[in-house]
Amino acid sequence: MSFEDEFKAKIVSLILQKKPEIALEILSRKYSIRCPSLKVGTVKRASKSLGVYVHSSNIIYVSSSDRLNDPHVILHEFYHHLRSTSGRHRGTEKYATKFANDYIASFVSAARRTSKTLSAEDW
């Protein structure tokens, strides 16, 4: 497994361990961008979404506390944060989903290889 795949697996592991803020800090350092805040709540124009990134406030909103530990939602919204650092949203839903799925696939691959649930202490 490559270093990049191990990194991705670690990020997913942190989110699953209820440490999404740490995962976002590490991702932000990797991409040299400011770290977004994470809040439970909805945004008027996206009240039915599981998550949404609001560039003007640099906040990732998730619809419920359960979603704080959902790697797909956190990584999908982080991709929107990553792509909107210029002030314009340039990421599409398709690419945000692909970004999240790529991280999750690395985690699944690592878990299969080790035949156990990975934890942050494994890194």
PDB file of N, CA and C in Angstrom:
ATOM      1  N   MET A   1       0.853  -1.182   0.000  1.00  0.00           N
ATOM      2  CA  MET A   1       0.000   0.000   0.000  1.00  0.00           C
ATOM      3  C   MET A   1       0.894   1.238   0.000  1.00  0.00           C
ATOM      4  N   SER A   2       0.573   2.181  -0.841  1.00  0.00           N
ATOM      5  CA  SER A   2       1.379   3.393  -0.952  1.00  0.00           C
ATOM      6  C   SER A   2       1.181   4.305   0.261  1.00  0.00           C
ATOM      7  N   PHE A   3       2.099   5.243   0.419  1.00  0.00           N
ATOM      8  CA  PHE A   3       1.985   6.222   1.502  1.00  0.00           C
ATOM      9  C   PHE A   3       0.680   7.003   1.355  1.00  0.00           C
ATOM     10  N   GLU A   4       0.328   7.358   0.126  1.00  0.00           N
ATOM     11  CA  GLU A   4      -0.902   8.119  -0.122  1.00  0.00           C
ATOM     12  C   GLU A   4      -2.133   7.325   0.297  1.00  0.00           C
ATOM     13  N   ASP A   5      -2.160   6.040  -0.024  1.00  0.00           N
ATOM     14  CA  ASP A   5      -3.289   5.203   0.380  1.00  0.00           C
ATOM     15  C   ASP A   5      -3.349   5.056   1.907  1.00  0.00           C
ATOM     16  N   GLU A   6      -2.198   4.940   2.542  1.00  0.00           N
ATOM     17  CA  GLU A   6      -2.165   4.872   4.006  1.00  0.00           C
ATOM     18  C   GLU A   6      -2.678   6.167   4.619  1.00  0.00           C
ATOM     19  N   PHE A   7      -2.298   7.291   4.026  1.00  0.00           N
ATOM     20  CA  PHE A   7      -2.778   8.594   4.495  1.00  0.00           C
ATOM     21  C   PHE A   7      -4.296   8.658   4.409  1.00  0.00           C
ATOM     22  N   LYS A   8      -4.835   8.267   3.266  1.00  0.00           N
ATOM     23  CA  LYS A   8      -6.286   8.304   3.061  1.00  0.00           C
ATOM     24  C   LYS A   8      -7.000   7.393   4.056  1.00  0.00           C
ATOM     25  N   ALA A   9      -6.460   6.216   4.290  1.00  0.00           N
ATOM     26  CA  ALA A   9      -7.058   5.287   5.255  1.00  0.00           C
ATOM     27  C   ALA A   9      -7.048   5.886   6.657  1.00  0.00           C
ATOM     28  N   LYS A  10      -5.978   6.582   6.999  1.00  0.00           N
ATOM     29  CA  LYS A  10      -5.880   7.212   8.322  1.00  0.00           C
ATOM     30  C   LYS A  10      -6.950   8.285   8.488  1.00  0.00           C
ATOM     31  N   ILE A  11      -7.183   9.069   7.454  1.00  0.00           N
ATOM     32  CA  ILE A  11      -8.186  10.131   7.516  1.00  0.00           C
ATOM     33  C   ILE A  11      -9.573   9.532   7.762  1.00  0.00           C
ATOM     34  N   VAL A  12      -9.919   8.502   7.013  1.00  0.00           N
ATOM     35  CA  VAL A  12     -11.218   7.848   7.197  1.00  0.00           C
ATOM     36  C   VAL A  12     -11.312   7.253   8.599  1.00  0.00           C
ATOM     37  N   SER A  13     -10.241   6.644   9.049  1.00  0.00           N
ATOM     38  CA  SER A  13     -10.216   6.058  10.391  1.00  0.00           C
ATOM     39  C   SER A  13     -10.482   7.116  11.465  1.00  0.00           C
ATOM     40  N   LEU A  14      -9.874   8.268  11.325  1.00  0.00           N
ATOM     41  CA  LEU A  14     -10.097   9.346  12.289  1.00  0.00           C
ATOM     42  C   LEU A  14     -11.562   9.784  12.321  1.00  0.00           C
ATOM     43  N   ILE A  15     -12.168   9.892  11.158  1.00  0.00           N
ATOM     44  CA  ILE A  15     -13.577  10.289  11.097  1.00  0.00           C
ATOM     45  C   ILE A  15     -14.446   9.232  11.771  1.00  0.00           C
ATOM     46  N   LEU A  16     -14.184   7.974  11.493  1.00  0.00           N
ATOM     47  CA  LEU A  16     -14.955   6.887  12.101  1.00  0.00           C
ATOM     48  C   LEU A  16     -14.762   6.810  13.609  1.00  0.00           C
ATOM     49  N   GLN A  17     -13.613   7.271  14.082  1.00  0.00           N
ATOM     50  CA  GLN A  17     -13.317   7.272  15.522  1.00  0.00           C
ATOM     51  C   GLN A  17     -13.862   8.514  16.217  1.00  0.00           C
ATOM     52  N   LYS A  18     -14.715   9.254  15.526  1.00  0.00           N
ATOM     53  CA  LYS A  18     -15.342  10.465  16.072  1.00  0.00           C
ATOM     54  C   LYS A  18     -14.335  11.580  16.299  1.00  0.00           C
ATOM     55  N   LYS A  19     -13.379  11.680  15.378  1.00  0.00           N
ATOM     56  CA  LYS A  19     -12.376  12.738  15.418  1.00  0.00           C
ATOM     57  C   LYS A  19     -12.330  13.477  14.075  1.00  0.00           C
ATOM     58  N   PRO A  20     -13.504  13.941  13.587  1.00  0.00           N
ATOM     59  CA  PRO A  20     -13.510  14.583  12.272  1.00  0.00           C
ATOM     60  C   PRO A  20     -12.737  15.899  12.241  1.00  0.00           C
ATOM     61  N   GLU A  21     -12.703  16.609  13.359  1.00  0.00           N
ATOM     62  CA  GLU A  21     -11.966  17.878  13.392  1.00  0.00           C
ATOM     63  C   GLU A  21     -10.463  17.647  13.159  1.00  0.00           C
ATOM     64  N   ILE A  22      -9.934  16.577  13.761  1.00  0.00           N
ATOM     65  CA  ILE A  22      -8.520  16.249  13.564  1.00  0.00           C
ATOM     66  C   ILE A  22      -8.273  15.868  12.112  1.00  0.00           C
ATOM     67  N   ALA A  23      -9.188  15.074  11.543  1.00  0.00           N
ATOM     68  CA  ALA A  23      -9.059  14.690  10.128  1.00  0.00           C
ATOM     69  C   ALA A  23      -9.050  15.934   9.239  1.00  0.00           C
ATOM     70  N   LEU A  24      -9.930  16.900   9.518  1.00  0.00           N
ATOM     71  CA  LEU A  24      -9.977  18.132   8.716  1.00  0.00           C
ATOM     72  C   LEU A  24      -8.703  18.959   8.874  1.00  0.00           C
ATOM     73  N   GLU A  25      -8.152  18.988  10.087  1.00  0.00           N
ATOM     74  CA  GLU A  25      -6.888  19.715  10.306  1.00  0.00           C
ATOM     75  C   GLU A  25      -5.765  19.093   9.486  1.00  0.00           C
ATOM     76  N   ILE A  26      -5.678  17.780   9.500  1.00  0.00           N
ATOM     77  CA  ILE A  26      -4.616  17.085   8.760  1.00  0.00           C
ATOM     78  C   ILE A  26      -4.795  17.287   7.253  1.00  0.00           C
ATOM     79  N   LEU A  27      -6.028  17.166   6.770  1.00  0.00           N
ATOM     80  CA  LEU A  27      -6.299  17.399   5.349  1.00  0.00           C
ATOM     81  C   LEU A  27      -5.943  18.829   4.941  1.00  0.00           C
ATOM     82  N   SER A  28      -6.298  19.774   5.779  1.00  0.00           N
ATOM     83  CA  SER A  28      -6.013  21.182   5.471  1.00  0.00           C
ATOM     84  C   SER A  28      -4.517  21.448   5.406  1.00  0.00           C
ATOM     85  N   ARG A  29      -3.769  20.830   6.308  1.00  0.00           N
ATOM     86  CA  ARG A  29      -2.300  20.959   6.254  1.00  0.00           C
ATOM     87  C   ARG A  29      -1.751  20.350   4.973  1.00  0.00           C
ATOM     88  N   LYS A  30      -2.263  19.183   4.612  1.00  0.00           N
ATOM     89  CA  LYS A  30      -1.797  18.505   3.403  1.00  0.00           C
ATOM     90  C   LYS A  30      -1.982  19.391   2.172  1.00  0.00           C
ATOM     91  N   TYR A  31      -3.118  20.047   2.084  1.00  0.00           N
ATOM     92  CA  TYR A  31      -3.421  20.864   0.912  1.00  0.00           C
ATOM     93  C   TYR A  31      -3.060  22.346   1.096  1.00  0.00           C
ATOM     94  N   SER A  32      -2.450  22.675   2.229  1.00  0.00           N
ATOM     95  CA  SER A  32      -2.015  24.050   2.523  1.00  0.00           C
ATOM     96  C   SER A  32      -3.147  25.064   2.394  1.00  0.00           C
ATOM     97  N   ILE A  33      -4.266  24.743   3.034  1.00  0.00           N
ATOM     98  CA  ILE A  33      -5.404  25.655   3.061  1.00  0.00           C
ATOM     99  C   ILE A  33      -5.889  25.794   4.497  1.00  0.00           C
ATOM    100  N   ARG A  34      -6.687  26.824   4.755  1.00  0.00           N
ATOM    101  CA  ARG A  34      -7.201  26.991   6.117  1.00  0.00           C
ATOM    102  C   ARG A  34      -8.203  25.892   6.424  1.00  0.00           C
ATOM    103  N   CYS A  35      -8.273  25.537   7.661  1.00  0.00           N
ATOM    104  CA  CYS A  35      -9.139  24.445   8.101  1.00  0.00           C
ATOM    105  C   CYS A  35     -10.570  24.959   8.270  1.00  0.00           C
ATOM    106  N   PRO A  36     -11.542  24.251   7.723  1.00  0.00           N
ATOM    107  CA  PRO A  36     -12.932  24.667   7.917  1.00  0.00           C
ATOM    108  C   PRO A  36     -13.430  24.267   9.303  1.00  0.00           C
ATOM    109  N   SER A  37     -14.404  25.000   9.798  1.00  0.00           N
ATOM    110  CA  SER A  37     -15.084  24.615  11.031  1.00  0.00           C
ATOM    111  C   SER A  37     -16.121  23.566  10.684  1.00  0.00           C
ATOM    112  N   LEU A  38     -16.580  22.873  11.692  1.00  0.00           N
ATOM    113  CA  LEU A  38     -17.551  21.810  11.515  1.00  0.00           C
ATOM    114  C   LEU A  38     -18.697  22.050  12.488  1.00  0.00           C
ATOM    115  N   LYS A  39     -19.926  22.114  11.962  1.00  0.00           N
ATOM    116  CA  LYS A  39     -21.089  22.366  12.820  1.00  0.00           C
ATOM    117  C   LYS A  39     -22.253  21.472  12.424  1.00  0.00           C
ATOM    118  N   VAL A  40     -23.055  21.126  13.421  1.00  0.00           N
ATOM    119  CA  VAL A  40     -24.298  20.409  13.167  1.00  0.00           C
ATOM    120  C   VAL A  40     -25.380  21.454  12.948  1.00  0.00           C
ATOM    121  N   GLY A  41     -26.104  21.312  11.857  1.00  0.00           N
ATOM    122  CA  GLY A  41     -27.166  22.256  11.533  1.00  0.00           C
ATOM    123  C   GLY A  41     -27.430  22.243  10.044  1.00  0.00           C
ATOM    124  N   THR A  42     -28.374  23.047   9.619  1.00  0.00           N
ATOM    125  CA  THR A  42     -28.705  23.118   8.206  1.00  0.00           C
ATOM    126  C   THR A  42     -28.600  24.558   7.715  1.00  0.00           C
ATOM    127  N   VAL A  43     -28.540  24.678   6.427  1.00  0.00           N
ATOM    128  CA  VAL A  43     -28.501  25.971   5.763  1.00  0.00           C
ATOM    129  C   VAL A  43     -29.799  26.085   4.978  1.00  0.00           C
ATOM    130  N   LYS A  44     -30.440  27.248   5.019  1.00  0.00           N
ATOM    131  CA  LYS A  44     -31.766  27.409   4.412  1.00  0.00           C
ATOM    132  C   LYS A  44     -31.897  26.794   3.027  1.00  0.00           C
ATOM    133  N   ARG A  45     -31.041  27.172   2.130  1.00  0.00           N
ATOM    134  CA  ARG A  45     -31.204  26.724   0.747  1.00  0.00           C
ATOM    135  C   ARG A  45     -30.766  25.278   0.520  1.00  0.00           C
ATOM    136  N   ALA A  46     -30.247  24.630   1.551  1.00  0.00           N
ATOM    137  CA  ALA A  46     -29.813  23.239   1.427  1.00  0.00           C
ATOM    138  C   ALA A  46     -30.273  22.421   2.627  1.00  0.00           C
ATOM    139  N   SER A  47     -31.472  22.695   3.100  1.00  0.00           N
ATOM    140  CA  SER A  47     -31.946  22.075   4.345  1.00  0.00           C
ATOM    141  C   SER A  47     -32.140  20.566   4.247  1.00  0.00           C
ATOM    142  N   LYS A  48     -32.261  20.027   3.050  1.00  0.00           N
ATOM    143  CA  LYS A  48     -32.445  18.579   2.901  1.00  0.00           C
ATOM    144  C   LYS A  48     -31.133  17.843   2.664  1.00  0.00           C
ATOM    145  N   SER A  49     -30.036  18.562   2.571  1.00  0.00           N
ATOM    146  CA  SER A  49     -28.732  17.952   2.320  1.00  0.00           C
ATOM    147  C   SER A  49     -28.175  17.333   3.591  1.00  0.00           C
ATOM    148  N   LEU A  50     -27.395  16.264   3.414  1.00  0.00           N
ATOM    149  CA  LEU A  50     -26.717  15.643   4.558  1.00  0.00           C
ATOM    150  C   LEU A  50     -25.583  16.531   5.057  1.00  0.00           C
ATOM    151  N   GLY A  51     -25.008  17.308   4.149  1.00  0.00           N
ATOM    152  CA  GLY A  51     -23.931  18.222   4.489  1.00  0.00           C
ATOM    153  C   GLY A  51     -23.832  19.308   3.445  1.00  0.00           C
ATOM    154  N   VAL A  52     -23.244  20.419   3.850  1.00  0.00           N
ATOM    155  CA  VAL A  52     -23.042  21.525   2.915  1.00  0.00           C
ATOM    156  C   VAL A  52     -21.852  22.356   3.395  1.00  0.00           C
ATOM    157  N   TYR A  53     -21.075  22.844   2.441  1.00  0.00           N
ATOM    158  CA  TYR A  53     -19.960  23.722   2.776  1.00  0.00           C
ATOM    159  C   TYR A  53     -20.349  25.146   2.413  1.00  0.00           C
ATOM    160  N   VAL A  54     -20.159  26.079   3.360  1.00  0.00           N
ATOM    161  CA  VAL A  54     -20.456  27.491   3.122  1.00  0.00           C
ATOM    162  C   VAL A  54     -19.129  28.242   3.120  1.00  0.00           C
ATOM    163  N   HIS A  55     -18.735  28.682   1.928  1.00  0.00           N
ATOM    164  CA  HIS A  55     -17.437  29.339   1.763  1.00  0.00           C
ATOM    165  C   HIS A  55     -17.340  30.639   2.560  1.00  0.00           C
ATOM    166  N   SER A  56     -18.384  31.433   2.561  1.00  0.00           N
ATOM    167  CA  SER A  56     -18.321  32.748   3.208  1.00  0.00           C
ATOM    168  C   SER A  56     -18.024  32.672   4.700  1.00  0.00           C
ATOM    169  N   SER A  57     -18.427  31.576   5.332  1.00  0.00           N
ATOM    170  CA  SER A  57     -18.158  31.412   6.765  1.00  0.00           C
ATOM    171  C   SER A  57     -17.127  30.322   7.053  1.00  0.00           C
ATOM    172  N   ASN A  58     -16.647  29.645   5.996  1.00  0.00           N
ATOM    173  CA  ASN A  58     -15.657  28.570   6.129  1.00  0.00           C
ATOM    174  C   ASN A  58     -16.138  27.480   7.090  1.00  0.00           C
ATOM    175  N   ILE A  59     -17.398  27.066   6.895  1.00  0.00           N
ATOM    176  CA  ILE A  59     -18.006  26.063   7.771  1.00  0.00           C
ATOM    177  C   ILE A  59     -18.585  24.921   6.948  1.00  0.00           C
ATOM    178  N   ILE A  60     -18.308  23.713   7.406  1.00  0.00           N
ATOM    179  CA  ILE A  60     -18.981  22.527   6.883  1.00  0.00           C
ATOM    180  C   ILE A  60     -20.122  22.240   7.859  1.00  0.00           C
ATOM    181  N   TYR A  61     -21.350  22.288   7.345  1.00  0.00           N
ATOM    182  CA  TYR A  61     -22.518  21.951   8.145  1.00  0.00           C
ATOM    183  C   TYR A  61     -22.922  20.512   7.840  1.00  0.00           C
ATOM    184  N   VAL A  62     -23.233  19.757   8.872  1.00  0.00           N
ATOM    185  CA  VAL A  62     -23.777  18.417   8.693  1.00  0.00           C
ATOM    186  C   VAL A  62     -25.167  18.406   9.313  1.00  0.00           C
ATOM    187  N   SER A  63     -26.053  17.620   8.723  1.00  0.00           N
ATOM    188  CA  SER A  63     -27.464  17.660   9.103  1.00  0.00           C
ATOM    189  C   SER A  63     -27.761  17.116  10.498  1.00  0.00           C
ATOM    190  N   SER A  64     -26.919  16.206  10.993  1.00  0.00           N
ATOM    191  CA  SER A  64     -27.148  15.633  12.326  1.00  0.00           C
ATOM    192  C   SER A  64     -25.804  15.230  12.933  1.00  0.00           C
ATOM    193  N   SER A  65     -25.809  15.007  14.230  1.00  0.00           N
ATOM    194  CA  SER A  65     -24.560  14.621  14.896  1.00  0.00           C
ATOM    195  C   SER A  65     -24.049  13.276  14.382  1.00  0.00           C
ATOM    196  N   ASP A  66     -24.931  12.415  13.907  1.00  0.00           N
ATOM    197  CA  ASP A  66     -24.503  11.135  13.326  1.00  0.00           C
ATOM    198  C   ASP A  66     -23.629  11.354  12.096  1.00  0.00           C
ATOM    199  N   ARG A  67     -23.894  12.396  11.364  1.00  0.00           N
ATOM    200  CA  ARG A  67     -23.150  12.679  10.133  1.00  0.00           C
ATOM    201  C   ARG A  67     -21.734  13.189  10.406  1.00  0.00           C
ATOM    202  N   LEU A  68     -21.446  13.581  11.635  1.00  0.00           N
ATOM    203  CA  LEU A  68     -20.085  14.013  11.987  1.00  0.00           C
ATOM    204  C   LEU A  68     -19.084  12.874  11.807  1.00  0.00           C
ATOM    205  N   ASN A  69     -19.579  11.646  11.892  1.00  0.00           N
ATOM    206  CA  ASN A  69     -18.708  10.472  11.794  1.00  0.00           C
ATOM    207  C   ASN A  69     -18.939   9.697  10.500  1.00  0.00           C
ATOM    208  N   ASP A  70     -19.500  10.368   9.518  1.00  0.00           N
ATOM    209  CA  ASP A  70     -19.753   9.763   8.219  1.00  0.00           C
ATOM    210  C   ASP A  70     -18.652  10.224   7.257  1.00  0.00           C
ATOM    211  N   PRO A  71     -17.694   9.347   6.965  1.00  0.00           N
ATOM    212  CA  PRO A  71     -16.568   9.760   6.110  1.00  0.00           C
ATOM    213  C   PRO A  71     -17.005  10.310   4.758  1.00  0.00           C
ATOM    214  N   HIS A  72     -18.060   9.744   4.193  1.00  0.00           N
ATOM    215  CA  HIS A  72     -18.477  10.231   2.876  1.00  0.00           C
ATOM    216  C   HIS A  72     -18.930  11.685   2.945  1.00  0.00           C
ATOM    217  N   VAL A  73     -19.735  12.020   3.932  1.00  0.00           N
ATOM    218  CA  VAL A  73     -20.235  13.394   4.055  1.00  0.00           C
ATOM    219  C   VAL A  73     -19.085  14.359   4.350  1.00  0.00           C
ATOM    220  N   ILE A  74     -18.245  14.035   5.317  1.00  0.00           N
ATOM    221  CA  ILE A  74     -17.145  14.924   5.702  1.00  0.00           C
ATOM    222  C   ILE A  74     -16.182  15.137   4.538  1.00  0.00           C
ATOM    223  N   LEU A  75     -15.776  14.070   3.874  1.00  0.00           N
ATOM    224  CA  LEU A  75     -14.818  14.181   2.766  1.00  0.00           C
ATOM    225  C   LEU A  75     -15.442  14.854   1.536  1.00  0.00           C
ATOM    226  N   HIS A  76     -16.694  14.580   1.273  1.00  0.00           N
ATOM    227  CA  HIS A  76     -17.396  15.219   0.162  1.00  0.00           C
ATOM    228  C   HIS A  76     -17.421  16.743   0.355  1.00  0.00           C
ATOM    229  N   GLU A  77     -17.778  17.156   1.560  1.00  0.00           N
ATOM    230  CA  GLU A  77     -17.844  18.603   1.830  1.00  0.00           C
ATOM    231  C   GLU A  77     -16.448  19.219   1.911  1.00  0.00           C
ATOM    232  N   PHE A  78     -15.468  18.466   2.385  1.00  0.00           N
ATOM    233  CA  PHE A  78     -14.100  18.988   2.383  1.00  0.00           C
ATOM    234  C   PHE A  78     -13.645  19.255   0.948  1.00  0.00           C
ATOM    235  N   TYR A  79     -14.018  18.393   0.028  1.00  0.00           N
ATOM    236  CA  TYR A  79     -13.653  18.615  -1.379  1.00  0.00           C
ATOM    237  C   TYR A  79     -14.213  19.955  -1.865  1.00  0.00           C
ATOM    238  N   HIS A  80     -15.458  20.252  -1.491  1.00  0.00           N
ATOM    239  CA  HIS A  80     -16.027  21.552  -1.881  1.00  0.00           C
ATOM    240  C   HIS A  80     -15.220  22.694  -1.261  1.00  0.00           C
ATOM    241  N   HIS A  81     -14.805  22.529  -0.025  1.00  0.00           N
ATOM    242  CA  HIS A  81     -13.954  23.530   0.636  1.00  0.00           C
ATOM    243  C   HIS A  81     -12.642  23.687  -0.131  1.00  0.00           C
ATOM    244  N   LEU A  82     -12.033  22.580  -0.454  1.00  0.00           N
ATOM    245  CA  LEU A  82     -10.761  22.583  -1.176  1.00  0.00           C
ATOM    246  C   LEU A  82     -10.895  23.294  -2.520  1.00  0.00           C
ATOM    247  N   ARG A  83     -11.948  23.029  -3.232  1.00  0.00           N
ATOM    248  CA  ARG A  83     -12.132  23.600  -4.568  1.00  0.00           C
ATOM    249  C   ARG A  83     -12.629  25.041  -4.546  1.00  0.00           C
ATOM    250  N   SER A  84     -13.090  25.527  -3.421  1.00  0.00           N
ATOM    251  CA  SER A  84     -13.622  26.892  -3.384  1.00  0.00           C
ATOM    252  C   SER A  84     -12.690  27.875  -2.672  1.00  0.00           C
ATOM    253  N   THR A  85     -11.452  27.500  -2.490  1.00  0.00           N
ATOM    254  CA  THR A  85     -10.526  28.393  -1.786  1.00  0.00           C
ATOM    255  C   THR A  85     -10.295  29.698  -2.538  1.00  0.00           C
ATOM    256  N   SER A  86     -10.602  29.735  -3.827  1.00  0.00           N
ATOM    257  CA  SER A  86     -10.439  30.965  -4.604  1.00  0.00           C
ATOM    258  C   SER A  86     -11.602  31.919  -4.383  1.00  0.00           C
ATOM    259  N   GLY A  87     -12.640  31.472  -3.679  1.00  0.00           N
ATOM    260  CA  GLY A  87     -13.815  32.306  -3.478  1.00  0.00           C
ATOM    261  C   GLY A  87     -14.952  31.911  -4.405  1.00  0.00           C
ATOM    262  N   ARG A  88     -14.659  31.076  -5.372  1.00  0.00           N
ATOM    263  CA  ARG A  88     -15.676  30.574  -6.299  1.00  0.00           C
ATOM    264  C   ARG A  88     -15.763  29.067  -6.130  1.00  0.00           C
ATOM    265  N   HIS A  89     -16.971  28.559  -6.110  1.00  0.00           N
ATOM    266  CA  HIS A  89     -17.156  27.115  -6.008  1.00  0.00           C
ATOM    267  C   HIS A  89     -16.840  26.511  -7.368  1.00  0.00           C
ATOM    268  N   ARG A  90     -15.809  25.692  -7.423  1.00  0.00           N
ATOM    269  CA  ARG A  90     -15.401  25.103  -8.692  1.00  0.00           C
ATOM    270  C   ARG A  90     -15.496  23.583  -8.687  1.00  0.00           C
ATOM    271  N   GLY A  91     -15.979  22.990  -7.622  1.00  0.00           N
ATOM    272  CA  GLY A  91     -16.061  21.531  -7.553  1.00  0.00           C
ATOM    273  C   GLY A  91     -17.459  21.037  -7.867  1.00  0.00           C
ATOM    274  N   THR A  92     -17.570  20.006  -8.642  1.00  0.00           N
ATOM    275  CA  THR A  92     -18.879  19.455  -8.952  1.00  0.00           C
ATOM    276  C   THR A  92     -19.204  18.335  -7.976  1.00  0.00           C
ATOM    277  N   GLU A  93     -20.474  17.993  -7.906  1.00  0.00           N
ATOM    278  CA  GLU A  93     -20.905  16.902  -7.029  1.00  0.00           C
ATOM    279  C   GLU A  93     -20.230  15.595  -7.422  1.00  0.00           C
ATOM    280  N   LYS A  94     -20.102  15.369  -8.702  1.00  0.00           N
ATOM    281  CA  LYS A  94     -19.480  14.130  -9.190  1.00  0.00           C
ATOM    282  C   LYS A  94     -18.052  14.002  -8.673  1.00  0.00           C
ATOM    283  N   TYR A  95     -17.288  15.080  -8.746  1.00  0.00           N
ATOM    284  CA  TYR A  95     -15.896  15.023  -8.303  1.00  0.00           C
ATOM    285  C   TYR A  95     -15.786  14.979  -6.782  1.00  0.00           C
ATOM    286  N   ALA A  96     -16.707  15.613  -6.088  1.00  0.00           N
ATOM    287  CA  ALA A  96     -16.699  15.547  -4.621  1.00  0.00           C
ATOM    288  C   ALA A  96     -16.985  14.115  -4.158  1.00  0.00           C
ATOM    289  N   THR A  97     -17.904  13.469  -4.823  1.00  0.00           N
ATOM    290  CA  THR A  97     -18.219  12.071  -4.502  1.00  0.00           C
ATOM    291  C   THR A  97     -17.037  11.171  -4.827  1.00  0.00           C
ATOM    292  N   LYS A  98     -16.394  11.409  -5.953  1.00  0.00           N
ATOM    293  CA  LYS A  98     -15.216  10.615  -6.337  1.00  0.00           C
ATOM    294  C   LYS A  98     -14.091  10.789  -5.311  1.00  0.00           C
ATOM    295  N   PHE A  99     -13.866  12.009  -4.847  1.00  0.00           N
ATOM    296  CA  PHE A  99     -12.851  12.310  -3.840  1.00  0.00           C
ATOM    297  C   PHE A  99     -13.133  11.503  -2.568  1.00  0.00           C
ATOM    298  N   ALA A 100     -14.372  11.563  -2.084  1.00  0.00           N
ATOM    299  CA  ALA A 100     -14.750  10.842  -0.862  1.00  0.00           C
ATOM    300  C   ALA A 100     -14.613   9.330  -1.052  1.00  0.00           C
ATOM    301  N   ASN A 101     -15.104   8.841  -2.170  1.00  0.00           N
ATOM    302  CA  ASN A 101     -15.038   7.391  -2.429  1.00  0.00           C
ATOM    303  C   ASN A 101     -13.602   6.890  -2.523  1.00  0.00           C
ATOM    304  N   ASP A 102     -12.709   7.702  -3.043  1.00  0.00           N
ATOM    305  CA  ASP A 102     -11.305   7.322  -3.151  1.00  0.00           C
ATOM    306  C   ASP A 102     -10.686   7.115  -1.761  1.00  0.00           C
ATOM    307  N   TYR A 103     -10.976   8.022  -0.841  1.00  0.00           N
ATOM    308  CA  TYR A 103     -10.474   7.886   0.530  1.00  0.00           C
ATOM    309  C   TYR A 103     -11.064   6.639   1.188  1.00  0.00           C
ATOM    310  N   ILE A 104     -12.355   6.439   1.014  1.00  0.00           N
ATOM    311  CA  ILE A 104     -13.021   5.295   1.628  1.00  0.00           C
ATOM    312  C   ILE A 104     -12.493   3.978   1.060  1.00  0.00           C
ATOM    313  N   ALA A 105     -12.242   3.931  -0.235  1.00  0.00           N
ATOM    314  CA  ALA A 105     -11.690   2.713  -0.858  1.00  0.00           C
ATOM    315  C   ALA A 105     -10.317   2.374  -0.283  1.00  0.00           C
ATOM    316  N   SER A 106      -9.504   3.390  -0.022  1.00  0.00           N
ATOM    317  CA  SER A 106      -8.188   3.144   0.591  1.00  0.00           C
ATOM    318  C   SER A 106      -8.346   2.564   1.989  1.00  0.00           C
ATOM    319  N   PHE A 107      -9.311   3.073   2.729  1.00  0.00           N
ATOM    320  CA  PHE A 107      -9.570   2.555   4.075  1.00  0.00           C
ATOM    321  C   PHE A 107     -10.020   1.094   4.015  1.00  0.00           C
ATOM    322  N   VAL A 108     -10.957   0.793   3.127  1.00  0.00           N
ATOM    323  CA  VAL A 108     -11.469  -0.571   2.987  1.00  0.00           C
ATOM    324  C   VAL A 108     -10.346  -1.527   2.602  1.00  0.00           C
ATOM    325  N   SER A 109      -9.506  -1.096   1.684  1.00  0.00           N
ATOM    326  CA  SER A 109      -8.371  -1.917   1.259  1.00  0.00           C
ATOM    327  C   SER A 109      -7.420  -2.190   2.422  1.00  0.00           C
ATOM    328  N   ALA A 110      -7.130  -1.169   3.209  1.00  0.00           N
ATOM    329  CA  ALA A 110      -6.235  -1.335   4.361  1.00  0.00           C
ATOM    330  C   ALA A 110      -6.863  -2.251   5.409  1.00  0.00           C
ATOM    331  N   ALA A 111      -8.157  -2.092   5.629  1.00  0.00           N
ATOM    332  CA  ALA A 111      -8.844  -2.929   6.619  1.00  0.00           C
ATOM    333  C   ALA A 111      -8.843  -4.395   6.190  1.00  0.00           C
ATOM    334  N   ARG A 112      -9.030  -4.636   4.914  1.00  0.00           N
ATOM    335  CA  ARG A 112      -8.989  -6.020   4.417  1.00  0.00           C
ATOM    336  C   ARG A 112      -7.603  -6.615   4.576  1.00  0.00           C
ATOM    337  N   ARG A 113      -6.600  -5.798   4.305  1.00  0.00           N
ATOM    338  CA  ARG A 113      -5.216  -6.273   4.401  1.00  0.00           C
ATOM    339  C   ARG A 113      -4.857  -6.638   5.834  1.00  0.00           C
ATOM    340  N   THR A 114      -5.303  -5.858   6.770  1.00  0.00           N
ATOM    341  CA  THR A 114      -4.917  -6.087   8.163  1.00  0.00           C
ATOM    342  C   THR A 114      -5.911  -6.955   8.911  1.00  0.00           C
ATOM    343  N   SER A 115      -7.073  -7.203   8.301  1.00  0.00           N
ATOM    344  CA  SER A 115      -8.127  -8.025   8.917  1.00  0.00           C
ATOM    345  C   SER A 115      -8.542  -7.510  10.285  1.00  0.00           C
ATOM    346  N   LYS A 116      -8.477  -6.223  10.462  1.00  0.00           N
ATOM    347  CA  LYS A 116      -8.943  -5.618  11.711  1.00  0.00           C
ATOM    348  C   LYS A 116      -9.364  -4.193  11.434  1.00  0.00           C
ATOM    349  N   THR A 117     -10.059  -3.596  12.374  1.00  0.00           N
ATOM    350  CA  THR A 117     -10.440  -2.200  12.243  1.00  0.00           C
ATOM    351  C   THR A 117      -9.214  -1.347  12.560  1.00  0.00           C
ATOM    352  N   LEU A 118      -8.918  -0.437  11.692  1.00  0.00           N
ATOM    353  CA  LEU A 118      -7.760   0.428  11.910  1.00  0.00           C
ATOM    354  C   LEU A 118      -8.107   1.512  12.912  1.00  0.00           C
ATOM    355  N   SER A 119      -7.147   1.874  13.723  1.00  0.00           N
ATOM    356  CA  SER A 119      -7.330   2.980  14.640  1.00  0.00           C
ATOM    357  C   SER A 119      -6.204   3.980  14.432  1.00  0.00           C
ATOM    358  N   ALA A 120      -6.384   5.171  14.962  1.00  0.00           N
ATOM    359  CA  ALA A 120      -5.362   6.212  14.801  1.00  0.00           C
ATOM    360  C   ALA A 120      -4.046   5.768  15.411  1.00  0.00           C
ATOM    361  N   GLU A 121      -4.094   4.919  16.438  1.00  0.00           N
ATOM    362  CA  GLU A 121      -2.858   4.459  17.083  1.00  0.00           C
ATOM    363  C   GLU A 121      -2.028   3.563  16.165  1.00  0.00           C
ATOM    364  N   ASP A 122      -2.668   3.000  15.135  1.00  0.00           N
ATOM    365  CA  ASP A 122      -1.957   2.145  14.189  1.00  0.00           C
ATOM    366  C   ASP A 122      -1.022   2.943  13.289  1.00  0.00           C
ATOM    367  N   TRP A 123      -1.150   4.249  13.305  1.00  0.00           N
ATOM    368  CA  TRP A 123      -0.365   5.076  12.366  1.00  0.00           C
ATOM    369  C   TRP A 123       0.782   5.674  13.081  1.00  0.00           C
TER     370      TRP A 123
END
